[in-house]
Amino acid sequence: MDTFKINPPAYSEWRSYSIEYHFLLKYITQKSQEPGYTEADKENFLIILESQIGKFCDFLTATINEIWQRVEYCEQLIQTLPHLDSEGQEITIGEAGEVNAIATGQIFELMKYRLENFTALSKIVLRHKEITNIGITYEFDEMLKTYSITDENLIDRVIVRRLMRIYFYLQNGSIEGIADYLGIRGGSDNFETTITGWIDPEILE
């Protein structure tokens, strides 16, 4: 029995956008138990799979745009600080801190949710080959060229960088010394590795 499952996201409204792994697996299993898994069955499955990927991609795009709006709003609030009196600064810093905290929670949860759903897709492609003896790796790769669900342009870590800079500024009044504060030595790649776990493959030996 396949026990794989996508963990429920922290935000309940996200759940309906999850890849329906067991629904897809059930289709493969049932069709393979009939007279034979046909080319038509494969094409129907690919249509269903692409629909699932498209739904998830639309969710990612909308959620990232929402987070970006919060990031930019925080930065706009920070830009107003020099023009405010002490009371106004205190209120603005408090508001920016709250919005920044919401965006930070969202992006880290989204990074985990993205990975779990991509894992589900990768597993279903492997299970399709295992159960039907028909590979769909090429078709899956072609879908990934159309639907941006893997964060190949590293938008997630760019957002994390911006959020960390906002947080540091709110705590210290500037971003001077942010690398020392975070225990980072070296260039920006080290910053990204410390915060997100990302490693530039070009620096690996």
C-alpha atoms as a PDB file:
ATOM      1  CA  MET A   1       0.000   0.000   0.000  1.00  0.00           C
ATOM      2  CA  ASP A   2       1.311   3.452  -0.915  1.00  0.00           C
ATOM      3  CA  THR A   3       1.389   5.545   2.267  1.00  0.00           C
ATOM      4  CA  PHE A   4       2.793   8.738   0.753  1.00  0.00           C
ATOM      5  CA  LYS A   5       0.807  11.874   1.535  1.00  0.00           C
ATOM      6  CA  ILE A   6       1.223  15.623   1.378  1.00  0.00           C
ATOM      7  CA  ASN A   7       1.159  17.095   4.851  1.00  0.00           C
ATOM      8  CA  PRO A   8      -1.687  19.587   5.382  1.00  0.00           C
ATOM      9  CA  PRO A   9      -0.357  23.131   4.925  1.00  0.00           C
ATOM     10  CA  ALA A  10      -0.460  25.596   7.798  1.00  0.00           C
ATOM     11  CA  TYR A  11      -2.968  27.655   5.825  1.00  0.00           C
ATOM     12  CA  SER A  12      -6.153  25.621   5.456  1.00  0.00           C
ATOM     13  CA  GLU A  13      -7.250  27.588   2.373  1.00  0.00           C
ATOM     14  CA  TRP A  14      -4.261  26.143   0.485  1.00  0.00           C
ATOM     15  CA  ARG A  15      -5.376  22.529   0.816  1.00  0.00           C
ATOM     16  CA  SER A  16      -7.672  22.515  -2.209  1.00  0.00           C
ATOM     17  CA  TYR A  17      -4.680  23.308  -4.449  1.00  0.00           C
ATOM     18  CA  SER A  18      -2.638  20.269  -3.430  1.00  0.00           C
ATOM     19  CA  ILE A  19      -1.722  17.673  -6.031  1.00  0.00           C
ATOM     20  CA  GLU A  20      -4.243  14.850  -5.607  1.00  0.00           C
ATOM     21  CA  TYR A  21      -1.676  12.096  -5.411  1.00  0.00           C
ATOM     22  CA  HIS A  22      -3.962   9.248  -4.360  1.00  0.00           C
ATOM     23  CA  PHE A  23      -6.618  10.216  -6.915  1.00  0.00           C
ATOM     24  CA  LEU A  24      -3.970  10.013  -9.653  1.00  0.00           C
ATOM     25  CA  LEU A  25      -2.626   6.738  -8.272  1.00  0.00           C
ATOM     26  CA  LYS A  26      -6.132   5.256  -8.157  1.00  0.00           C
ATOM     27  CA  TYR A  27      -6.650   6.097 -11.834  1.00  0.00           C
ATOM     28  CA  ILE A  28      -3.438   4.324 -12.823  1.00  0.00           C
ATOM     29  CA  THR A  29      -4.152   1.290 -10.648  1.00  0.00           C
ATOM     30  CA  GLN A  30      -7.753   0.824 -11.792  1.00  0.00           C
ATOM     31  CA  LYS A  31      -6.985   1.254 -15.477  1.00  0.00           C
ATOM     32  CA  SER A  32      -4.091  -1.177 -15.289  1.00  0.00           C
ATOM     33  CA  GLN A  33      -6.410  -3.840 -13.842  1.00  0.00           C
ATOM     34  CA  GLU A  34      -8.784  -3.598 -16.800  1.00  0.00           C
ATOM     35  CA  PRO A  35      -8.123  -5.429 -20.090  1.00  0.00           C
ATOM     36  CA  GLY A  36      -4.936  -3.421 -20.426  1.00  0.00           C
ATOM     37  CA  TYR A  37      -3.573   0.064 -19.949  1.00  0.00           C
ATOM     38  CA  THR A  38      -3.970   1.592 -23.369  1.00  0.00           C
ATOM     39  CA  GLU A  39      -2.512   4.616 -25.131  1.00  0.00           C
ATOM     40  CA  ALA A  40      -5.889   6.288 -24.684  1.00  0.00           C
ATOM     41  CA  ASP A  41      -5.664   5.685 -20.929  1.00  0.00           C
ATOM     42  CA  LYS A  42      -2.240   7.306 -20.930  1.00  0.00           C
ATOM     43  CA  GLU A  43      -3.473  10.354 -22.848  1.00  0.00           C
ATOM     44  CA  ASN A  44      -6.428  10.758 -20.486  1.00  0.00           C
ATOM     45  CA  PHE A  45      -4.092  10.509 -17.516  1.00  0.00           C
ATOM     46  CA  LEU A  46      -1.811  13.179 -18.962  1.00  0.00           C
ATOM     47  CA  ILE A  47      -4.801  15.499 -19.376  1.00  0.00           C
ATOM     48  CA  ILE A  48      -5.736  14.963 -15.719  1.00  0.00           C
ATOM     49  CA  LEU A  49      -2.114  15.387 -14.616  1.00  0.00           C
ATOM     50  CA  GLU A  50      -1.694  18.627 -16.544  1.00  0.00           C
ATOM     51  CA  SER A  51      -4.905  19.968 -15.028  1.00  0.00           C
ATOM     52  CA  GLN A  52      -3.525  19.255 -11.545  1.00  0.00           C
ATOM     53  CA  ILE A  53      -0.200  20.909 -12.367  1.00  0.00           C
ATOM     54  CA  GLY A  54      -1.927  23.939 -13.892  1.00  0.00           C
ATOM     55  CA  LYS A  55      -4.096  24.385 -10.804  1.00  0.00           C
ATOM     56  CA  PHE A  56      -1.062  24.204  -8.534  1.00  0.00           C
ATOM     57  CA  CYS A  57       0.907  26.607 -10.736  1.00  0.00           C
ATOM     58  CA  ASP A  58      -1.912  29.175 -10.659  1.00  0.00           C
ATOM     59  CA  PHE A  59      -1.962  28.899  -6.868  1.00  0.00           C
ATOM     60  CA  LEU A  60       1.808  29.425  -6.621  1.00  0.00           C
ATOM     61  CA  THR A  61       1.684  32.470  -8.890  1.00  0.00           C
ATOM     62  CA  ALA A  62      -1.170  34.092  -6.961  1.00  0.00           C
ATOM     63  CA  THR A  63       0.397  33.373  -3.562  1.00  0.00           C
ATOM     64  CA  ILE A  64       3.833  34.650  -4.545  1.00  0.00           C
ATOM     65  CA  ASN A  65       2.240  37.827  -5.910  1.00  0.00           C
ATOM     66  CA  GLU A  66       0.417  38.261  -2.602  1.00  0.00           C
ATOM     67  CA  ILE A  67       3.670  37.861  -0.660  1.00  0.00           C
ATOM     68  CA  TRP A  68       5.470  40.292  -2.979  1.00  0.00           C
ATOM     69  CA  GLN A  69       2.767  42.877  -2.302  1.00  0.00           C
ATOM     70  CA  ARG A  70       3.420  42.528   1.428  1.00  0.00           C
ATOM     71  CA  VAL A  71       7.184  42.818   0.920  1.00  0.00           C
ATOM     72  CA  GLU A  72       6.810  45.959  -1.166  1.00  0.00           C
ATOM     73  CA  TYR A  73       4.332  47.439   1.299  1.00  0.00           C
ATOM     74  CA  CYS A  74       6.831  46.917   4.134  1.00  0.00           C
ATOM     75  CA  GLU A  75       9.551  48.608   2.113  1.00  0.00           C
ATOM     76  CA  GLN A  76       7.258  51.533   1.372  1.00  0.00           C
ATOM     77  CA  LEU A  77       6.521  51.899   5.092  1.00  0.00           C
ATOM     78  CA  ILE A  78      10.235  51.926   5.865  1.00  0.00           C
ATOM     79  CA  GLN A  79      10.789  54.672   3.299  1.00  0.00           C
ATOM     80  CA  THR A  80       8.313  56.901   5.159  1.00  0.00           C
ATOM     81  CA  LEU A  81      10.088  56.606   8.525  1.00  0.00           C
ATOM     82  CA  PRO A  82      12.498  59.567   8.101  1.00  0.00           C
ATOM     83  CA  HIS A  83       9.504  61.836   7.474  1.00  0.00           C
ATOM     84  CA  LEU A  84       7.562  60.866  10.609  1.00  0.00           C
ATOM     85  CA  ASP A  85       7.740  62.012  14.216  1.00  0.00           C
ATOM     86  CA  SER A  86       8.657  59.507  16.925  1.00  0.00           C
ATOM     87  CA  GLU A  87       5.049  58.432  17.521  1.00  0.00           C
ATOM     88  CA  GLY A  88       4.446  57.952  13.798  1.00  0.00           C
ATOM     89  CA  GLN A  89       7.657  55.962  13.491  1.00  0.00           C
ATOM     90  CA  GLU A  90       6.649  53.672  16.328  1.00  0.00           C
ATOM     91  CA  ILE A  91       3.257  52.976  14.748  1.00  0.00           C
ATOM     92  CA  THR A  92       4.752  52.433  11.290  1.00  0.00           C
ATOM     93  CA  ILE A  93       7.493  50.120  12.581  1.00  0.00           C
ATOM     94  CA  GLY A  94       4.855  48.079  14.400  1.00  0.00           C
ATOM     95  CA  GLU A  95       2.707  47.763  11.281  1.00  0.00           C
ATOM     96  CA  ALA A  96       5.683  46.871   9.077  1.00  0.00           C
ATOM     97  CA  GLY A  97       6.767  44.255  11.612  1.00  0.00           C
ATOM     98  CA  GLU A  98       3.347  42.599  11.612  1.00  0.00           C
ATOM     99  CA  VAL A  99       3.116  42.510   7.824  1.00  0.00           C
ATOM    100  CA  ASN A 100       6.691  41.243   7.554  1.00  0.00           C
ATOM    101  CA  ALA A 101       5.963  38.442  10.015  1.00  0.00           C
ATOM    102  CA  ILE A 102       2.917  37.355   7.991  1.00  0.00           C
ATOM    103  CA  ALA A 103       4.887  37.352   4.727  1.00  0.00           C
ATOM    104  CA  THR A 104       7.784  35.455   6.322  1.00  0.00           C
ATOM    105  CA  GLY A 105       5.452  32.748   7.595  1.00  0.00           C
ATOM    106  CA  GLN A 106       3.828  32.490   4.175  1.00  0.00           C
ATOM    107  CA  ILE A 107       7.040  32.168   2.170  1.00  0.00           C
ATOM    108  CA  PHE A 108       8.587  29.507   4.392  1.00  0.00           C
ATOM    109  CA  GLU A 109       5.367  27.507   4.392  1.00  0.00           C
ATOM    110  CA  LEU A 110       5.107  27.937   0.617  1.00  0.00           C
ATOM    111  CA  MET A 111       8.656  26.662   0.106  1.00  0.00           C
ATOM    112  CA  LYS A 112       7.802  23.501   2.056  1.00  0.00           C
ATOM    113  CA  TYR A 113       4.422  23.115   0.340  1.00  0.00           C
ATOM    114  CA  ARG A 114       5.974  23.548  -3.113  1.00  0.00           C
ATOM    115  CA  LEU A 115       8.556  20.859  -2.392  1.00  0.00           C
ATOM    116  CA  GLU A 116       6.008  18.373  -1.049  1.00  0.00           C
ATOM    117  CA  ASN A 117       3.741  18.793  -4.070  1.00  0.00           C
ATOM    118  CA  PHE A 118       6.614  18.496  -6.517  1.00  0.00           C
ATOM    119  CA  THR A 119       7.660  15.322  -4.695  1.00  0.00           C
ATOM    120  CA  ALA A 120       4.118  14.001  -5.161  1.00  0.00           C
ATOM    121  CA  LEU A 121       4.282  14.706  -8.893  1.00  0.00           C
ATOM    122  CA  SER A 122       7.680  13.054  -9.239  1.00  0.00           C
ATOM    123  CA  LYS A 123       6.460   9.994  -7.368  1.00  0.00           C
ATOM    124  CA  ILE A 124       3.325   9.657  -9.489  1.00  0.00           C
ATOM    125  CA  VAL A 125       5.429   9.749 -12.666  1.00  0.00           C
ATOM    126  CA  LEU A 126       7.566   6.923 -11.288  1.00  0.00           C
ATOM    127  CA  ARG A 127       4.517   4.966 -10.137  1.00  0.00           C
ATOM    128  CA  HIS A 128       2.957   5.313 -13.582  1.00  0.00           C
ATOM    129  CA  LYS A 129       5.984   3.612 -15.111  1.00  0.00           C
ATOM    130  CA  GLU A 130       6.107   0.986 -12.385  1.00  0.00           C
ATOM    131  CA  ILE A 131       2.420   0.023 -12.627  1.00  0.00           C
ATOM    132  CA  THR A 132       1.752   0.367 -16.365  1.00  0.00           C
ATOM    133  CA  ASN A 133       5.260  -0.180 -17.768  1.00  0.00           C
ATOM    134  CA  ILE A 134       4.693   3.012 -19.789  1.00  0.00           C
ATOM    135  CA  GLY A 135       6.914   5.995 -19.114  1.00  0.00           C
ATOM    136  CA  ILE A 136       5.660   9.583 -19.098  1.00  0.00           C
ATOM    137  CA  THR A 137       8.873  11.337 -18.082  1.00  0.00           C
ATOM    138  CA  TYR A 138       9.161  13.207 -21.391  1.00  0.00           C
ATOM    139  CA  GLU A 139       5.583  14.487 -21.200  1.00  0.00           C
ATOM    140  CA  PHE A 140       6.080  15.507 -17.567  1.00  0.00           C
ATOM    141  CA  ASP A 141       9.244  17.433 -18.421  1.00  0.00           C
ATOM    142  CA  GLU A 142       7.381  19.230 -21.202  1.00  0.00           C
ATOM    143  CA  MET A 143       4.664  20.248 -18.743  1.00  0.00           C
ATOM    144  CA  LEU A 144       7.306  21.707 -16.423  1.00  0.00           C
ATOM    145  CA  LYS A 145       8.464  23.937 -19.267  1.00  0.00           C
ATOM    146  CA  THR A 146       4.948  25.387 -19.429  1.00  0.00           C
ATOM    147  CA  TYR A 147       4.116  25.540 -15.735  1.00  0.00           C
ATOM    148  CA  SER A 148       6.593  27.200 -13.374  1.00  0.00           C
ATOM    149  CA  ILE A 149       6.297  25.105 -10.222  1.00  0.00           C
ATOM    150  CA  THR A 150       9.937  24.322  -9.409  1.00  0.00           C
ATOM    151  CA  ASP A 151      11.232  27.842  -8.596  1.00  0.00           C
ATOM    152  CA  GLU A 152      14.130  27.510 -11.038  1.00  0.00           C
ATOM    153  CA  ASN A 153      14.487  31.299 -11.055  1.00  0.00           C
ATOM    154  CA  LEU A 154      14.878  31.198  -7.246  1.00  0.00           C
ATOM    155  CA  ILE A 155      12.084  33.664  -6.501  1.00  0.00           C
ATOM    156  CA  ASP A 156      11.630  32.126  -3.049  1.00  0.00           C
ATOM    157  CA  ARG A 157      15.132  32.939  -1.866  1.00  0.00           C
ATOM    158  CA  VAL A 158      14.954  36.454  -3.316  1.00  0.00           C
ATOM    159  CA  ILE A 159      11.819  37.059  -1.247  1.00  0.00           C
ATOM    160  CA  VAL A 160      13.514  35.612   1.832  1.00  0.00           C
ATOM    161  CA  ARG A 161      16.467  37.956   1.340  1.00  0.00           C
ATOM    162  CA  ARG A 162      14.177  40.979   1.133  1.00  0.00           C
ATOM    163  CA  LEU A 163      12.195  39.921   4.210  1.00  0.00           C
ATOM    164  CA  MET A 164      15.328  39.372   6.269  1.00  0.00           C
ATOM    165  CA  ARG A 165      16.640  42.789   5.299  1.00  0.00           C
ATOM    166  CA  ILE A 166      13.326  44.367   6.303  1.00  0.00           C
ATOM    167  CA  TYR A 167      13.388  42.540   9.640  1.00  0.00           C
ATOM    168  CA  PHE A 168      16.968  43.573  10.319  1.00  0.00           C
ATOM    169  CA  TYR A 169      16.205  47.182   9.452  1.00  0.00           C
ATOM    170  CA  LEU A 170      13.190  47.254  11.749  1.00  0.00           C
ATOM    171  CA  GLN A 171      15.310  45.896  14.591  1.00  0.00           C
ATOM    172  CA  ASN A 172      18.394  48.046  14.020  1.00  0.00           C
ATOM    173  CA  GLY A 173      17.425  51.085  11.987  1.00  0.00           C
ATOM    174  CA  SER A 174      19.683  50.081   9.085  1.00  0.00           C
ATOM    175  CA  ILE A 175      20.999  46.984   7.313  1.00  0.00           C
ATOM    176  CA  GLU A 176      24.626  47.775   8.069  1.00  0.00           C
ATOM    177  CA  GLY A 177      26.201  44.747   9.710  1.00  0.00           C
ATOM    178  CA  ILE A 178      23.510  42.298   8.615  1.00  0.00           C
ATOM    179  CA  ALA A 179      26.080  39.669   7.589  1.00  0.00           C
ATOM    180  CA  ASP A 180      27.778  39.745  11.000  1.00  0.00           C
ATOM    181  CA  TYR A 181      24.409  39.695  12.741  1.00  0.00           C
ATOM    182  CA  LEU A 182      23.432  36.505  10.920  1.00  0.00           C
ATOM    183  CA  GLY A 183      26.843  34.911  11.360  1.00  0.00           C
ATOM    184  CA  ILE A 184      27.538  35.036   7.639  1.00  0.00           C
ATOM    185  CA  ARG A 185      30.988  35.343   6.146  1.00  0.00           C
ATOM    186  CA  GLY A 186      31.755  35.870   2.492  1.00  0.00           C
ATOM    187  CA  GLY A 187      29.482  36.835  -0.376  1.00  0.00           C
ATOM    188  CA  SER A 188      25.798  36.742  -1.091  1.00  0.00           C
ATOM    189  CA  ASP A 189      25.816  33.025  -1.888  1.00  0.00           C
ATOM    190  CA  ASN A 190      26.754  32.329   1.721  1.00  0.00           C
ATOM    191  CA  PHE A 191      23.853  34.529   2.793  1.00  0.00           C
ATOM    192  CA  GLU A 192      21.449  32.499   0.666  1.00  0.00           C
ATOM    193  CA  THR A 193      22.832  29.202   1.940  1.00  0.00           C
ATOM    194  CA  THR A 194      22.461  30.213   5.573  1.00  0.00           C
ATOM    195  CA  ILE A 195      18.915  31.483   5.209  1.00  0.00           C
ATOM    196  CA  THR A 196      17.403  29.053   2.699  1.00  0.00           C
ATOM    197  CA  GLY A 197      19.771  26.111   2.442  1.00  0.00           C
ATOM    198  CA  TRP A 198      20.408  26.938  -1.205  1.00  0.00           C
ATOM    199  CA  ILE A 199      23.893  26.137  -2.478  1.00  0.00           C
ATOM    200  CA  ASP A 200      25.353  27.497  -5.687  1.00  0.00           C
ATOM    201  CA  PRO A 201      26.378  24.365  -7.637  1.00  0.00           C
ATOM    202  CA  GLU A 202      29.265  26.279  -9.201  1.00  0.00           C
ATOM    203  CA  ILE A 203      31.074  26.509  -5.859  1.00  0.00           C
ATOM    204  CA  LEU A 204      30.802  22.804  -5.078  1.00  0.00           C
ATOM    205  CA  GLU A 205      33.991  20.825  -5.457  1.00  0.00           C
END
